[in-house]
């Protein structure tokens, strides 16, 4: 079972703070199911893997996780700062390998 196969639909919908029309659309995408070889498999939990809506549903499901982890493990803030610095570096491998930057 993949990680997004077990996402609770109601818990995910409860995380959304939006107008009813969009909430119904999200619920419809969650419950649409999967069509495989002409057979429809309804979904009771999880998000449709590979669907165009999957990235949005995954972001909703994971929203708040980073804050919860930082609150639970406050000593890791230094690690987060280092990770942010690496993300900002346009070529972090150059620094490690000692090769010159292109230019």
C-alpha atoms as a PDB file:
ATOM      1  CA  UNK A   1       0.000   0.000   0.000  1.00  0.00           C
ATOM      2  CA  UNK A   2       1.402   3.392  -1.022  1.00  0.00           C
ATOM      3  CA  UNK A   3       1.344   6.354   1.340  1.00  0.00           C
ATOM      4  CA  UNK A   4      -1.455   8.189  -0.440  1.00  0.00           C
ATOM      5  CA  UNK A   5      -3.645   5.079  -0.736  1.00  0.00           C
ATOM      6  CA  UNK A   6      -4.744   5.444   2.873  1.00  0.00           C
ATOM      7  CA  UNK A   7      -5.563   9.156   3.125  1.00  0.00           C
ATOM      8  CA  UNK A   8      -8.901   9.591   4.839  1.00  0.00           C
ATOM      9  CA  UNK A   9     -11.221  11.561   2.549  1.00  0.00           C
ATOM     10  CA  UNK A  10     -13.128  13.246   5.370  1.00  0.00           C
ATOM     11  CA  UNK A  11      -9.932  14.268   7.182  1.00  0.00           C
ATOM     12  CA  UNK A  12      -8.583  15.764   3.954  1.00  0.00           C
ATOM     13  CA  UNK A  13     -11.823  17.652   3.285  1.00  0.00           C
ATOM     14  CA  UNK A  14     -11.843  18.913   6.883  1.00  0.00           C
ATOM     15  CA  UNK A  15      -8.463  20.565   6.204  1.00  0.00           C
ATOM     16  CA  UNK A  16      -9.925  22.679   3.407  1.00  0.00           C
ATOM     17  CA  UNK A  17     -11.263  26.089   4.305  1.00  0.00           C
ATOM     18  CA  UNK A  18     -12.975  26.976   1.071  1.00  0.00           C
ATOM     19  CA  UNK A  19     -16.356  27.716  -0.434  1.00  0.00           C
ATOM     20  CA  UNK A  20     -18.872  24.854  -0.826  1.00  0.00           C
ATOM     21  CA  UNK A  21     -18.595  24.567  -4.623  1.00  0.00           C
ATOM     22  CA  UNK A  22     -14.853  23.869  -4.500  1.00  0.00           C
ATOM     23  CA  UNK A  23     -15.301  21.546  -1.527  1.00  0.00           C
ATOM     24  CA  UNK A  24     -17.861  19.498  -3.523  1.00  0.00           C
ATOM     25  CA  UNK A  25     -15.463  19.380  -6.488  1.00  0.00           C
ATOM     26  CA  UNK A  26     -12.653  18.107  -4.247  1.00  0.00           C
ATOM     27  CA  UNK A  27     -14.986  15.491  -2.774  1.00  0.00           C
ATOM     28  CA  UNK A  28     -15.991  14.421  -6.289  1.00  0.00           C
ATOM     29  CA  UNK A  29     -12.347  14.001  -7.328  1.00  0.00           C
ATOM     30  CA  UNK A  30     -11.637  11.970  -4.210  1.00  0.00           C
ATOM     31  CA  UNK A  31     -14.609   9.665  -4.714  1.00  0.00           C
ATOM     32  CA  UNK A  32     -14.381   9.371  -8.514  1.00  0.00           C
ATOM     33  CA  UNK A  33     -12.474   6.109  -8.367  1.00  0.00           C
ATOM     34  CA  UNK A  34     -10.217   4.518 -10.947  1.00  0.00           C
ATOM     35  CA  UNK A  35     -11.183   3.103 -14.329  1.00  0.00           C
ATOM     36  CA  UNK A  36      -9.007   0.110 -15.225  1.00  0.00           C
ATOM     37  CA  UNK A  37      -9.631  -2.139 -18.222  1.00  0.00           C
ATOM     38  CA  UNK A  38     -13.166  -0.801 -18.489  1.00  0.00           C
ATOM     39  CA  UNK A  39     -13.985  -1.560 -14.842  1.00  0.00           C
ATOM     40  CA  UNK A  40     -14.665   1.185 -12.288  1.00  0.00           C
ATOM     41  CA  UNK A  41     -13.061   0.807  -8.866  1.00  0.00           C
ATOM     42  CA  UNK A  42     -14.597   3.298  -6.403  1.00  0.00           C
ATOM     43  CA  UNK A  43     -12.267   4.834  -3.828  1.00  0.00           C
ATOM     44  CA  UNK A  44     -13.159   4.825  -0.140  1.00  0.00           C
ATOM     45  CA  UNK A  45      -9.792   6.245   0.901  1.00  0.00           C
ATOM     46  CA  UNK A  46      -6.673   7.572  -0.766  1.00  0.00           C
ATOM     47  CA  UNK A  47      -6.086   9.946  -3.649  1.00  0.00           C
ATOM     48  CA  UNK A  48      -6.162   9.050  -7.350  1.00  0.00           C
ATOM     49  CA  UNK A  49      -2.529   8.298  -8.219  1.00  0.00           C
ATOM     50  CA  UNK A  50      -1.411   9.881 -11.474  1.00  0.00           C
ATOM     51  CA  UNK A  51      -4.508  12.041 -11.827  1.00  0.00           C
ATOM     52  CA  UNK A  52      -4.204  15.711 -12.701  1.00  0.00           C
ATOM     53  CA  UNK A  53      -5.613  16.607  -9.283  1.00  0.00           C
ATOM     54  CA  UNK A  54      -3.212  14.356  -7.322  1.00  0.00           C
ATOM     55  CA  UNK A  55      -0.559  17.032  -6.612  1.00  0.00           C
ATOM     56  CA  UNK A  56      -3.171  19.393  -5.160  1.00  0.00           C
ATOM     57  CA  UNK A  57      -4.721  16.659  -3.018  1.00  0.00           C
ATOM     58  CA  UNK A  58      -1.271  15.607  -1.788  1.00  0.00           C
ATOM     59  CA  UNK A  59      -0.432  19.214  -0.852  1.00  0.00           C
ATOM     60  CA  UNK A  60      -3.697  19.533   1.081  1.00  0.00           C
ATOM     61  CA  UNK A  61      -3.013  16.254   2.893  1.00  0.00           C
ATOM     62  CA  UNK A  62       0.539  17.284   3.829  1.00  0.00           C
ATOM     63  CA  UNK A  63      -0.294  20.887   4.720  1.00  0.00           C
ATOM     64  CA  UNK A  64       0.889  21.647   8.233  1.00  0.00           C
ATOM     65  CA  UNK A  65       3.267  18.689   8.461  1.00  0.00           C
ATOM     66  CA  UNK A  66       6.416  20.838   8.400  1.00  0.00           C
ATOM     67  CA  UNK A  67       5.163  23.075  11.213  1.00  0.00           C
ATOM     68  CA  UNK A  68       4.183  20.022  13.263  1.00  0.00           C
ATOM     69  CA  UNK A  69       7.631  18.462  12.800  1.00  0.00           C
ATOM     70  CA  UNK A  70       9.466  21.663  13.719  1.00  0.00           C
ATOM     71  CA  UNK A  71       7.281  21.998  16.826  1.00  0.00           C
ATOM     72  CA  UNK A  72       7.889  18.363  17.783  1.00  0.00           C
ATOM     73  CA  UNK A  73      11.644  18.492  17.106  1.00  0.00           C
ATOM     74  CA  UNK A  74      12.796  22.090  17.792  1.00  0.00           C
ATOM     75  CA  UNK A  75      16.514  21.233  17.667  1.00  0.00           C
ATOM     76  CA  UNK A  76      16.223  20.520  13.944  1.00  0.00           C
ATOM     77  CA  UNK A  77      15.731  24.211  13.096  1.00  0.00           C
ATOM     78  CA  UNK A  78      19.476  24.455  12.353  1.00  0.00           C
ATOM     79  CA  UNK A  79      19.166  21.592   9.879  1.00  0.00           C
ATOM     80  CA  UNK A  80      16.247  23.389   8.218  1.00  0.00           C
ATOM     81  CA  UNK A  81      18.338  26.562   7.852  1.00  0.00           C
ATOM     82  CA  UNK A  82      21.124  24.562   6.206  1.00  0.00           C
ATOM     83  CA  UNK A  83      18.637  22.902   3.847  1.00  0.00           C
ATOM     84  CA  UNK A  84      17.213  26.307   2.905  1.00  0.00           C
ATOM     85  CA  UNK A  85      20.726  27.590   2.211  1.00  0.00           C
ATOM     86  CA  UNK A  86      21.403  24.607  -0.068  1.00  0.00           C
ATOM     87  CA  UNK A  87      18.140  25.225  -1.919  1.00  0.00           C
ATOM     88  CA  UNK A  88      19.150  28.845  -2.480  1.00  0.00           C
ATOM     89  CA  UNK A  89      22.575  27.841  -3.859  1.00  0.00           C
ATOM     90  CA  UNK A  90      22.281  27.650  -7.670  1.00  0.00           C
ATOM     91  CA  UNK A  91      24.941  24.921  -7.844  1.00  0.00           C
ATOM     92  CA  UNK A  92      25.416  23.185  -4.473  1.00  0.00           C
ATOM     93  CA  UNK A  93      27.438  20.344  -6.049  1.00  0.00           C
ATOM     94  CA  UNK A  94      30.112  22.784  -7.236  1.00  0.00           C
ATOM     95  CA  UNK A  95      30.950  23.643  -3.647  1.00  0.00           C
ATOM     96  CA  UNK A  96      31.319  19.978  -2.664  1.00  0.00           C
ATOM     97  CA  UNK A  97      33.260  18.848  -5.728  1.00  0.00           C
ATOM     98  CA  UNK A  98      35.576  21.849  -5.899  1.00  0.00           C
ATOM     99  CA  UNK A  99      34.892  22.356  -9.597  1.00  0.00           C
ATOM    100  CA  UNK A 100      34.616  25.852 -10.949  1.00  0.00           C
ATOM    101  CA  UNK A 101      31.228  27.365 -11.621  1.00  0.00           C
ATOM    102  CA  UNK A 102      30.312  27.618 -15.301  1.00  0.00           C
ATOM    103  CA  UNK A 103      30.449  31.083 -16.676  1.00  0.00           C
END
